[in-house]
Amino acid sequence: MTLETILNPERQPVSPGYMRIVLLATLFLASTGFVIVSSASMDVALRTYGTEFYFVLRHLSYLGLATLFGALFFQIRMETWQRYGGVLLVFSYVLLVLVLLPGIGRTVNGSTRWIPLGIISVQVSEIAKIGVLCYVAGYLVRRNDEVRTTFVGFIKPVAVLSLMVMLLLAEPDFGAVVVIMGTVFVLLFLAGVRFLQFALVLAGSGGMAALMIFSSEYRMKRMLAYVNPWDRATDDGYQLVQSLIAFGRGEIFGVGLGNSVQKLFYLPEAHTDFVFAILAEEFGLVGCTVVILAFLALVLSGMFIGRRAERMGQTFSAYLAYGISIMLGLQSCINIGVVSGMLPTKGLTLPLISYGGSSLIVSGILVALLLRVDYEMRNLLTTDPAVRRKLSGMEKKNGR
């Protein structure tokens, strides 16, 4: 559909194509996640809890909560998110402090990342993602000229978020630091920061990350296991080796749904962080490719939604859409890279697919916000003639 058709009030006023792609990709990924989590978790659930449907039912309930919260958050206007971005960031900091207090935070596998709330434990780093995205998007609207022209304008949000980095590392949650700060740096780059300043800060951040790795014994062990997992196949490289075996068994078309061997107590966290390995084993290269293409469709559609919002002068909505797309894409790339041995092991879920209440609910909220941006832009196109004329003028200027 051409822009002339979109802007012609006598025809369909706005194309819902991006919204449809986002919805279809999300539904496909969530459905695939339910199937794979069910397959990967039944044997572990039966042995641990006496019922093979323990994780299946919980995952289904998390999907229901993700849908419910997504529907609720979809009702909130973008101007409200922009107005309260700073409040959300402060709330994120409060949660990150609370989780580290004795008696409040819950420790699992040596990491204190969760606050138990009855039947569900909230992973605070997931909540912090929403606060960071709204704060940075709002900052780029208020200080866009300053970000483009001065080093101070560029470094301010990085300095504000440096405390969050320290709190996340205290949990420790190095993976969340990479995803959050990686998204922030890409957003600042898209906002037009000077390349030399960006390169210097990025190099400094890379140096700090390297220092944190080499100064931590468990991170060094992970790095050594990543370099050559087969030499440490019974120690720190065990999980990665079992994951690679799953990929090897899957070959082109996989061994079939439910026929995975690695999920039978060989691969730890088979239904959470390493669920993509079980997908690779049961559906092979073809299944992996389809899932990666679905993530690509989701991310690119989100970027196009952001681009359209930017061209319509809705800068906050644009940066928020960019940030959501980048965050979902970056976390997906890191998880798949870790599981396939291309990146060092980190504790990150695969958005919309892995088992985990906080991850699924926050992913649902992020997709809902993306849909809200698209919804508001389509409404604006149908109700504001000035916006239609502006976009039409851009099309003519570009020779389309």
Protein backbone atom coordinates (compact mmCIF):
# COMPACT_ATOMS: atom_id res chain seq x y z
CA MET A 1 0.00 0.00 0.00
CA THR A 2 1.41 3.38 -1.02
CA LEU A 3 1.45 6.50 1.11
CA GLU A 4 -0.98 8.17 -1.34
CA THR A 5 -3.49 5.42 -0.59
CA ILE A 6 -2.87 5.72 3.14
CA LEU A 7 -3.42 9.49 3.09
CA ASN A 8 -6.45 9.42 0.82
CA PRO A 9 -9.48 9.86 3.14
CA GLU A 10 -11.74 8.26 0.56
CA ARG A 11 -9.82 5.00 0.85
CA GLN A 12 -8.42 3.16 3.81
CA PRO A 13 -6.95 6.05 5.84
CA VAL A 14 -4.08 4.25 7.51
CA SER A 15 -2.40 0.93 6.90
CA PRO A 16 -2.52 -1.35 9.97
CA GLY A 17 0.28 -3.48 8.51
CA TYR A 18 2.92 -2.89 11.20
CA MET A 19 0.43 -3.56 13.98
CA ARG A 20 -0.60 -6.81 12.34
CA ILE A 21 3.01 -7.95 11.93
CA VAL A 22 3.80 -7.14 15.57
CA LEU A 23 0.70 -8.99 16.75
CA LEU A 24 1.27 -12.03 14.53
CA ALA A 25 4.97 -12.27 15.43
CA THR A 26 4.16 -11.93 19.14
CA LEU A 27 1.42 -14.57 19.00
CA PHE A 28 3.67 -16.94 17.07
CA LEU A 29 6.60 -16.51 19.49
CA ALA A 30 4.41 -16.84 22.58
CA SER A 31 2.70 -19.96 21.19
CA THR A 32 6.05 -21.48 20.22
CA GLY A 33 7.36 -20.69 23.68
CA PHE A 34 4.43 -22.44 25.33
CA VAL A 35 4.96 -25.56 23.23
CA ILE A 36 8.73 -25.70 23.80
CA VAL A 37 8.55 -24.87 27.52
CA SER A 38 5.93 -27.61 27.92
CA SER A 39 8.15 -30.12 26.14
CA ALA A 40 11.31 -29.08 27.98
CA SER A 41 9.86 -28.96 31.49
CA MET A 42 7.62 -31.99 31.91
CA ASP A 43 10.26 -34.50 33.03
CA VAL A 44 11.88 -32.02 35.43
CA ALA A 45 8.49 -31.06 36.84
CA LEU A 46 7.47 -34.69 37.35
CA ARG A 47 10.66 -35.49 39.23
CA THR A 48 10.72 -32.29 41.29
CA TYR A 49 7.04 -31.58 41.99
CA GLY A 50 5.31 -34.90 41.31
CA THR A 51 3.28 -33.56 38.38
CA GLU A 52 4.49 -33.07 34.85
CA PHE A 53 2.18 -30.09 34.31
CA TYR A 54 3.63 -27.89 37.08
CA PHE A 55 5.61 -25.58 34.79
CA VAL A 56 3.08 -25.89 31.96
CA LEU A 57 0.23 -24.51 34.05
CA ARG A 58 2.39 -21.77 35.56
CA HIS A 59 3.65 -20.73 32.13
CA LEU A 60 0.08 -20.62 30.85
CA SER A 61 -0.92 -18.42 33.79
CA TYR A 62 2.05 -16.11 33.08
CA LEU A 63 0.93 -15.81 29.47
CA GLY A 64 -2.54 -14.90 30.72
CA LEU A 65 -1.09 -12.24 33.04
CA ALA A 66 1.10 -10.90 30.22
CA THR A 67 -2.01 -10.55 28.04
CA LEU A 68 -3.98 -8.89 30.85
CA PHE A 69 -1.24 -6.42 31.77
CA GLY A 70 -0.58 -5.73 28.10
CA ALA A 71 -4.25 -4.91 27.54
CA LEU A 72 -4.30 -2.63 30.59
CA PHE A 73 -1.09 -0.78 29.72
CA PHE A 74 -2.26 -0.38 26.13
CA GLN A 75 -4.96 1.97 27.45
CA ILE A 76 -2.37 4.46 28.79
CA ARG A 77 -1.59 7.38 26.49
CA MET A 78 1.98 8.10 25.43
CA GLU A 79 1.87 11.54 27.01
CA THR A 80 1.28 9.89 30.38
CA TRP A 81 4.36 7.69 29.97
CA GLN A 82 6.34 10.78 29.00
CA ARG A 83 5.10 12.78 31.98
CA TYR A 84 5.93 10.10 34.54
CA GLY A 85 9.18 8.75 33.04
CA GLY A 86 11.24 10.19 35.91
CA VAL A 87 8.85 8.71 38.49
CA LEU A 88 9.16 5.29 36.88
CA LEU A 89 12.95 5.54 37.01
CA VAL A 90 12.86 6.42 40.72
CA PHE A 91 10.48 3.50 41.33
CA SER A 92 12.93 1.22 39.53
CA TYR A 93 15.73 2.40 41.80
CA VAL A 94 13.60 1.74 44.88
CA LEU A 95 12.98 -1.85 43.75
CA LEU A 96 16.67 -2.38 42.96
CA VAL A 97 17.58 -1.25 46.47
CA LEU A 98 14.83 -3.28 48.15
CA VAL A 99 15.86 -6.52 46.46
CA LEU A 100 19.32 -6.26 48.03
CA LEU A 101 17.97 -5.83 51.57
CA PRO A 102 18.15 -8.95 53.79
CA GLY A 103 14.77 -10.57 54.24
CA ILE A 104 13.24 -8.97 51.15
CA GLY A 105 15.19 -10.22 48.16
CA ARG A 106 15.13 -13.88 47.16
CA THR A 107 18.39 -15.58 46.22
CA VAL A 108 18.51 -18.29 43.54
CA ASN A 109 21.75 -19.86 42.30
CA GLY A 110 23.79 -17.20 44.06
CA SER A 111 21.92 -14.22 42.55
CA THR A 112 19.52 -12.00 44.48
CA ARG A 113 17.24 -10.71 41.73
CA TRP A 114 13.71 -11.44 42.88
CA ILE A 115 11.17 -10.02 45.34
CA PRO A 116 8.65 -12.74 46.29
CA LEU A 117 4.98 -11.66 46.07
CA GLY A 118 2.99 -14.73 46.98
CA ILE A 119 2.58 -17.03 43.98
CA ILE A 120 4.97 -15.02 41.81
CA SER A 121 8.43 -13.56 42.32
CA VAL A 122 9.14 -10.25 40.59
CA GLN A 123 12.52 -9.87 38.89
CA VAL A 124 13.24 -6.20 39.50
CA SER A 125 15.62 -5.79 36.55
CA GLU A 126 12.68 -6.53 34.24
CA ILE A 127 10.61 -3.75 35.83
CA ALA A 128 13.61 -1.42 35.56
CA LYS A 129 13.62 -1.84 31.77
CA ILE A 130 10.32 0.04 31.47
CA GLY A 131 11.53 2.85 33.72
CA VAL A 132 14.79 3.23 31.80
CA LEU A 133 13.08 3.32 28.39
CA CYS A 134 10.55 5.96 29.45
CA TYR A 135 13.20 8.09 31.19
CA VAL A 136 15.67 8.03 28.29
CA ALA A 137 12.97 8.65 25.67
CA GLY A 138 11.71 11.64 27.68
CA TYR A 139 15.25 12.95 28.19
CA LEU A 140 15.97 12.81 24.46
CA VAL A 141 12.84 14.87 23.82
CA ARG A 142 13.71 17.52 26.42
CA ARG A 143 17.46 17.69 25.72
CA ASN A 144 17.76 16.72 22.08
CA ASP A 145 19.79 19.76 21.04
CA GLU A 146 22.04 19.39 24.07
CA VAL A 147 22.64 15.71 23.30
CA ARG A 148 23.57 16.52 19.70
CA THR A 149 25.92 19.42 20.46
CA THR A 150 27.52 18.92 23.89
CA PHE A 151 29.30 16.12 25.70
CA VAL A 152 27.46 16.99 28.93
CA GLY A 153 24.09 16.40 27.28
CA PHE A 154 25.28 12.99 26.11
CA ILE A 155 26.84 11.88 29.38
CA LYS A 156 24.01 12.97 31.72
CA PRO A 157 21.71 9.96 31.22
CA VAL A 158 24.72 7.63 31.34
CA ALA A 159 25.72 9.15 34.69
CA VAL A 160 22.15 8.88 36.03
CA LEU A 161 22.01 5.20 35.07
CA SER A 162 25.49 4.39 36.42
CA LEU A 163 23.99 3.84 39.89
CA MET A 164 21.56 1.35 38.37
CA VAL A 165 24.50 -0.49 36.83
CA MET A 166 26.14 -0.79 40.26
CA LEU A 167 22.92 -2.04 41.85
CA LEU A 168 22.44 -4.63 39.11
CA LEU A 169 26.02 -5.82 39.46
CA ALA A 170 25.49 -6.18 43.22
CA GLU A 171 22.73 -8.76 42.60
CA PRO A 172 24.65 -9.79 40.36
CA ASP A 173 22.88 -9.44 36.98
CA PHE A 174 25.52 -8.66 34.36
CA GLY A 175 23.19 -9.69 31.53
CA ALA A 176 20.60 -7.05 32.46
CA VAL A 177 23.37 -4.42 32.54
CA VAL A 178 24.41 -5.32 28.98
CA VAL A 179 20.83 -5.23 27.65
CA ILE A 180 19.81 -1.99 29.40
CA MET A 181 22.97 0.00 28.74
CA GLY A 182 23.31 -1.40 25.21
CA THR A 183 19.81 -0.14 24.45
CA VAL A 184 20.56 3.27 26.01
CA PHE A 185 23.73 3.70 23.94
CA VAL A 186 21.94 2.82 20.70
CA LEU A 187 19.15 5.29 21.51
CA LEU A 188 21.70 8.04 22.18
CA PHE A 189 23.38 7.22 18.88
CA LEU A 190 20.04 7.45 17.04
CA ALA A 191 19.41 10.80 18.73
CA GLY A 192 22.42 12.21 16.87
CA VAL A 193 25.23 12.27 19.42
CA ARG A 194 28.64 13.16 18.02
CA PHE A 195 30.41 10.03 16.84
CA LEU A 196 33.75 10.75 18.53
CA GLN A 197 32.09 11.32 21.89
CA PHE A 198 29.99 8.19 21.43
CA ALA A 199 33.04 6.11 20.47
CA LEU A 200 35.05 7.32 23.48
CA VAL A 201 32.27 6.58 25.99
CA LEU A 202 31.56 3.23 24.34
CA ALA A 203 35.24 2.30 24.51
CA GLY A 204 35.36 3.34 28.16
CA SER A 205 32.27 1.24 28.92
CA GLY A 206 33.84 -1.71 27.13
CA GLY A 207 36.97 -1.29 29.22
CA MET A 208 34.90 -1.23 32.41
CA ALA A 209 33.06 -4.37 31.31
CA ALA A 210 36.38 -6.12 30.66
CA LEU A 211 37.63 -5.02 34.08
CA MET A 212 34.53 -6.43 35.75
CA ILE A 213 35.02 -9.74 33.95
CA PHE A 214 38.70 -10.09 34.85
CA SER A 215 38.16 -8.97 38.45
CA SER A 216 35.43 -11.54 39.13
CA GLU A 217 36.33 -15.20 39.56
CA TYR A 218 32.98 -16.59 38.43
CA ARG A 219 32.90 -14.33 35.36
CA MET A 220 36.42 -15.41 34.46
CA LYS A 221 35.35 -19.04 34.74
CA ARG A 222 32.48 -18.35 32.37
CA MET A 223 34.83 -16.65 29.93
CA LEU A 224 37.26 -19.58 29.99
CA ALA A 225 34.38 -22.01 29.53
CA TYR A 226 33.20 -19.95 26.56
CA VAL A 227 36.66 -19.97 24.91
CA ASN A 228 36.95 -23.75 25.09
CA PRO A 229 33.96 -25.44 26.75
CA TRP A 230 35.10 -28.95 25.79
CA ASP A 231 38.15 -28.67 28.05
CA ARG A 232 35.80 -27.91 30.95
CA ALA A 233 32.94 -30.16 29.89
CA THR A 234 32.38 -31.52 33.41
CA ASP A 235 32.86 -28.20 35.16
CA ASP A 236 32.10 -24.61 34.10
CA GLY A 237 31.60 -25.57 30.46
CA TYR A 238 29.05 -28.31 31.18
CA GLN A 239 25.93 -26.29 30.37
CA LEU A 240 27.31 -24.94 27.10
CA VAL A 241 28.54 -28.37 26.01
CA GLN A 242 25.11 -29.89 26.62
CA SER A 243 23.53 -27.03 24.71
CA LEU A 244 25.86 -27.57 21.74
CA ILE A 245 25.05 -31.29 21.79
CA ALA A 246 21.35 -30.34 21.53
CA PHE A 247 22.10 -28.19 18.48
CA GLY A 248 24.10 -31.04 16.91
CA ARG A 249 21.34 -33.59 17.46
CA GLY A 250 18.75 -31.29 15.88
CA GLU A 251 20.51 -31.11 12.50
CA ILE A 252 18.22 -29.72 9.76
CA PHE A 253 14.69 -30.74 10.76
CA GLY A 254 15.12 -31.82 14.38
CA VAL A 255 14.30 -35.02 16.23
CA GLY A 256 10.63 -34.12 16.61
CA LEU A 257 8.52 -32.48 19.29
CA GLY A 258 8.94 -34.21 22.65
CA ASN A 259 11.89 -36.34 21.51
CA SER A 260 14.68 -34.24 23.01
CA VAL A 261 17.26 -36.15 25.03
CA GLN A 262 19.08 -33.13 26.47
CA LYS A 263 16.02 -32.01 28.43
CA LEU A 264 16.20 -35.27 30.41
CA PHE A 265 18.35 -33.78 33.19
CA TYR A 266 21.38 -33.24 30.94
CA LEU A 267 20.89 -29.55 30.15
CA PRO A 268 20.30 -27.31 33.20
CA GLU A 269 17.72 -24.49 32.84
CA ALA A 270 16.34 -26.24 29.77
CA HIS A 271 12.96 -24.47 30.02
CA THR A 272 14.30 -21.04 30.98
CA ASP A 273 17.56 -19.51 29.71
CA PHE A 274 18.46 -22.44 27.42
CA VAL A 275 15.05 -23.20 25.96
CA PHE A 276 16.30 -22.28 22.47
CA ALA A 277 18.65 -25.28 22.60
CA ILE A 278 15.67 -27.61 23.10
CA LEU A 279 13.91 -25.88 20.21
CA ALA A 280 17.02 -26.48 18.09
CA GLU A 281 17.12 -30.15 19.06
CA GLU A 282 13.43 -30.84 18.42
CA PHE A 283 12.87 -28.61 15.36
CA GLY A 284 16.36 -28.30 13.94
CA LEU A 285 17.81 -25.55 11.81
CA VAL A 286 14.47 -24.95 10.11
CA GLY A 287 12.68 -24.31 13.40
CA CYS A 288 15.45 -22.02 14.64
CA THR A 289 15.36 -20.04 11.40
CA VAL A 290 11.59 -19.54 11.58
CA VAL A 291 11.80 -18.28 15.19
CA ILE A 292 14.69 -15.92 14.36
CA LEU A 293 12.73 -14.55 11.39
CA ALA A 294 9.74 -13.95 13.69
CA PHE A 295 11.97 -11.95 16.06
CA LEU A 296 13.36 -10.05 13.08
CA ALA A 297 9.84 -9.22 11.86
CA LEU A 298 8.88 -7.99 15.34
CA VAL A 299 11.98 -5.82 15.74
CA LEU A 300 11.89 -4.33 12.23
CA SER A 301 8.16 -3.56 12.49
CA GLY A 302 8.82 -1.80 15.78
CA MET A 303 11.59 0.26 14.19
CA PHE A 304 9.29 1.21 11.30
CA ILE A 305 6.62 2.26 13.80
CA GLY A 306 9.20 4.45 15.52
CA ARG A 307 10.33 5.91 12.21
CA ARG A 308 6.78 6.85 11.28
CA ALA A 309 6.24 8.46 14.70
CA GLU A 310 9.45 10.45 14.28
CA ARG A 311 8.39 11.72 10.85
CA MET A 312 5.06 12.78 12.36
CA GLY A 313 6.80 14.83 15.04
CA GLN A 314 5.95 12.46 17.93
CA THR A 315 9.50 12.25 19.23
CA PHE A 316 8.84 10.55 22.57
CA SER A 317 6.75 7.83 20.92
CA ALA A 318 9.46 7.38 18.31
CA TYR A 319 12.28 6.94 20.81
CA LEU A 320 10.16 4.64 22.97
CA ALA A 321 9.34 2.45 19.95
CA TYR A 322 13.01 2.41 18.95
CA GLY A 323 14.03 1.51 22.49
CA ILE A 324 11.52 -1.33 22.84
CA SER A 325 12.54 -2.80 19.48
CA ILE A 326 16.25 -2.53 20.26
CA MET A 327 15.82 -4.03 23.73
CA LEU A 328 13.80 -7.02 22.54
CA GLY A 329 16.16 -7.59 19.61
CA LEU A 330 19.32 -7.22 21.68
CA GLN A 331 18.16 -9.57 24.42
CA SER A 332 17.07 -12.14 21.83
CA CYS A 333 20.44 -11.94 20.06
CA ILE A 334 22.34 -12.33 23.33
CA ASN A 335 20.27 -15.31 24.47
CA ILE A 336 20.58 -17.11 21.13
CA GLY A 337 24.28 -16.22 21.00
CA VAL A 338 24.87 -17.66 24.46
CA VAL A 339 22.93 -20.86 23.81
CA SER A 340 24.71 -21.46 20.50
CA GLY A 341 28.17 -20.78 21.97
CA MET A 342 28.78 -17.49 20.14
CA LEU A 343 28.75 -15.43 23.38
CA PRO A 344 29.83 -16.10 26.98
CA THR A 345 27.14 -17.53 29.24
CA LYS A 346 24.76 -14.99 30.81
CA GLY A 347 21.52 -15.45 32.70
CA LEU A 348 19.09 -13.95 30.19
CA THR A 349 15.71 -15.26 29.10
CA LEU A 350 14.55 -15.40 25.49
CA PRO A 351 11.73 -12.80 25.27
CA LEU A 352 8.21 -14.18 24.80
CA ILE A 353 9.51 -17.77 24.76
CA SER A 354 11.41 -18.68 27.95
CA TYR A 355 9.64 -19.72 31.14
CA GLY A 356 9.51 -16.90 33.68
CA GLY A 357 6.72 -14.70 34.99
CA SER A 358 8.48 -11.34 35.13
CA SER A 359 10.08 -11.75 31.71
CA LEU A 360 6.83 -12.75 30.00
CA ILE A 361 4.75 -10.03 31.67
CA VAL A 362 7.24 -7.25 30.93
CA SER A 363 7.66 -8.48 27.35
CA GLY A 364 3.87 -8.34 27.00
CA ILE A 365 3.83 -4.78 28.34
CA LEU A 366 6.61 -3.70 25.96
CA VAL A 367 4.74 -5.12 22.97
CA ALA A 368 1.57 -3.37 24.18
CA LEU A 369 3.42 -0.05 24.32
CA LEU A 370 4.68 -0.63 20.79
CA LEU A 371 1.13 -1.26 19.63
CA ARG A 372 -0.04 1.86 21.49
CA VAL A 373 2.47 3.99 19.58
CA ASP A 374 1.20 2.59 16.29
CA TYR A 375 -2.42 3.07 17.38
CA GLU A 376 -1.89 6.71 18.30
CA MET A 377 -0.02 7.44 15.08
CA ARG A 378 -2.80 5.93 12.97
CA ASN A 379 -5.39 7.97 14.88
CA LEU A 380 -3.31 11.09 14.39
CA LEU A 381 -3.13 10.49 10.64
CA THR A 382 -6.90 10.19 10.40
CA THR A 383 -7.73 13.21 12.59
CA ASP A 384 -5.00 15.78 11.93
CA PRO A 385 -4.84 17.17 8.37
CA ALA A 386 -1.58 19.00 9.15
CA VAL A 387 0.15 15.69 9.87
CA ARG A 388 -1.16 14.21 6.62
CA ARG A 389 0.12 17.20 4.68
CA LYS A 390 3.49 16.97 6.43
CA LEU A 391 3.93 13.30 5.53
CA SER A 392 2.71 13.92 1.99
CA GLY A 393 5.29 16.69 1.62
CA MET A 394 8.03 14.35 2.83
CA GLU A 395 7.00 11.78 0.26
CA LYS A 396 7.15 14.32 -2.57
CA LYS A 397 10.50 15.63 -1.36
CA ASN A 398 11.92 12.10 -1.38
CA GLY A 399 10.57 11.51 -4.85
CA ARG A 400 8.28 8.66 -3.89
